[in-house]
Amino acid sequence: MKLKGERVASDLVKEISKILLTEIKDEDLKHVTITYATVTNDLSFAKVYFTTLDDYKKEKVVRDINNAASYFRSELAGRLNIRHIPELKFVYDESIEYGKRIEKIIEEINNES
């Protein structure tokens, strides 16, 4: 059975992804993929992790998506069945880049053999 925080985090990922796909006009944000979210125990704060295809625009995307956090919260208020929508902080997910670097290193080691 999922804990309430895990359920809310999962719902945030789904709904924010839908909003990005269907409603956001900013072309830079169209290339954002929400990877996962974490929510505090009291459901007052959520970190939403994302990646983007446009790595060279990463800083701009981080700034723009965080500036749109209040828009996301207002949209989520009508979509999620919870009393209080958590404050949203969008964080660039470094884990995919880290995985790619590890893969490249392993490939280089295998090619040297």
Protein backbone atom coordinates (compact mmCIF):
# COMPACT_ATOMS: atom_id res chain seq x y z
CA MET A 1 0.00 0.00 0.00
CA LYS A 2 1.34 3.43 -0.96
CA LEU A 3 1.79 6.09 1.68
CA LYS A 4 -0.17 9.27 1.13
CA GLY A 5 3.02 11.24 0.34
CA GLU A 6 4.03 8.69 -2.31
CA ARG A 7 0.57 8.81 -3.86
CA VAL A 8 0.60 12.61 -3.94
CA ALA A 9 4.11 12.60 -5.45
CA SER A 10 2.99 10.15 -8.12
CA ASP A 11 -0.10 12.25 -8.88
CA LEU A 12 2.05 15.39 -9.12
CA VAL A 13 4.32 13.73 -11.70
CA LYS A 14 1.35 12.60 -13.80
CA GLU A 15 -0.57 15.86 -13.70
CA ILE A 16 2.39 18.20 -14.19
CA SER A 17 3.45 16.06 -17.16
CA LYS A 18 -0.04 16.42 -18.65
CA ILE A 19 0.02 20.20 -18.10
CA LEU A 20 3.43 20.47 -19.80
CA LEU A 21 2.23 18.36 -22.71
CA THR A 22 -1.09 20.06 -23.37
CA GLU A 23 -1.15 23.57 -21.92
CA ILE A 24 2.29 25.17 -21.71
CA LYS A 25 3.06 27.63 -24.52
CA ASP A 26 6.79 28.15 -23.75
CA GLU A 27 8.69 26.08 -26.35
CA ASP A 28 11.61 25.49 -23.97
CA LEU A 29 9.27 23.88 -21.44
CA LYS A 30 7.75 21.62 -24.11
CA HIS A 31 10.96 19.56 -23.97
CA VAL A 32 10.78 19.00 -20.20
CA THR A 33 10.20 15.52 -18.82
CA ILE A 34 9.16 15.12 -15.20
CA THR A 35 11.12 12.19 -13.77
CA TYR A 36 9.88 11.98 -10.19
CA ALA A 37 8.78 13.99 -7.18
CA THR A 38 9.23 13.90 -3.42
CA VAL A 39 6.77 15.32 -0.93
CA THR A 40 7.35 16.19 2.73
CA ASN A 41 5.43 14.19 5.34
CA ASP A 42 3.04 17.07 6.01
CA LEU A 43 2.44 17.46 2.23
CA SER A 44 3.36 21.16 2.37
CA PHE A 45 6.37 21.06 0.06
CA ALA A 46 7.28 19.06 -3.05
CA LYS A 47 10.48 18.79 -5.04
CA VAL A 48 9.70 17.96 -8.65
CA TYR A 49 12.65 16.55 -10.59
CA PHE A 50 12.89 16.96 -14.35
CA THR A 51 15.17 16.64 -17.35
CA THR A 52 15.18 18.48 -20.65
CA LEU A 53 16.32 17.61 -24.15
CA ASP A 54 17.90 21.05 -24.45
CA ASP A 55 20.87 20.66 -22.10
CA TYR A 56 22.39 23.94 -23.27
CA LYS A 57 19.27 25.78 -22.02
CA LYS A 58 19.22 24.03 -18.65
CA GLU A 59 19.62 27.16 -16.51
CA LYS A 60 16.92 29.03 -18.45
CA VAL A 61 14.53 26.07 -18.17
CA VAL A 62 15.15 25.76 -14.41
CA ARG A 63 14.40 29.47 -14.00
CA ASP A 64 11.33 29.44 -16.27
CA ILE A 65 9.73 26.34 -14.79
CA ASN A 66 10.24 27.60 -11.23
CA ASN A 67 8.71 30.95 -12.26
CA ALA A 68 5.68 28.98 -13.46
CA ALA A 69 5.32 27.07 -10.16
CA SER A 70 2.32 29.13 -9.05
CA TYR A 71 0.60 28.41 -12.39
CA PHE A 72 1.18 24.68 -11.87
CA ARG A 73 -0.18 24.89 -8.32
CA SER A 74 -3.36 26.62 -9.47
CA GLU A 75 -3.85 24.03 -12.22
CA LEU A 76 -3.21 21.18 -9.79
CA ALA A 77 -5.78 22.56 -7.34
CA GLY A 78 -8.54 21.59 -9.76
CA ARG A 79 -7.05 18.23 -10.66
CA LEU A 80 -5.88 16.68 -7.39
CA ASN A 81 -8.21 15.59 -4.65
CA ILE A 82 -6.19 16.99 -1.74
CA ARG A 83 -6.96 19.86 0.60
CA HIS A 84 -3.70 21.76 0.18
CA ILE A 85 -1.47 21.74 -2.91
CA PRO A 86 2.19 21.63 -1.83
CA GLU A 87 4.64 24.42 -2.63
CA LEU A 88 6.54 23.30 -5.73
CA LYS A 89 10.29 23.51 -6.28
CA PHE A 90 11.54 22.23 -9.62
CA VAL A 91 15.00 20.67 -9.58
CA TYR A 92 17.04 19.49 -12.57
CA ASP A 93 17.52 15.73 -12.32
CA GLU A 94 21.25 15.06 -12.60
CA SER A 95 20.90 11.26 -12.31
CA ILE A 96 20.36 10.70 -16.05
CA GLU A 97 23.46 12.73 -16.96
CA TYR A 98 25.40 10.85 -14.27
CA GLY A 99 24.24 7.53 -15.74
CA LYS A 100 25.33 8.61 -19.22
CA ARG A 101 28.80 9.56 -17.93
CA ILE A 102 29.16 6.18 -16.20
CA GLU A 103 28.04 4.40 -19.37
CA LYS A 104 30.59 6.33 -21.44
CA ILE A 105 33.40 5.47 -19.00
CA ILE A 106 32.48 1.76 -19.08
CA GLU A 107 32.37 1.87 -22.89
CA GLU A 108 35.83 3.48 -23.02
CA ILE A 109 37.22 0.83 -20.65
CA ASN A 110 35.74 -1.97 -22.77
CA ASN A 111 37.16 -0.42 -25.96
CA GLU A 112 40.65 -0.29 -24.41
CA SER A 113 40.58 -4.03 -23.64
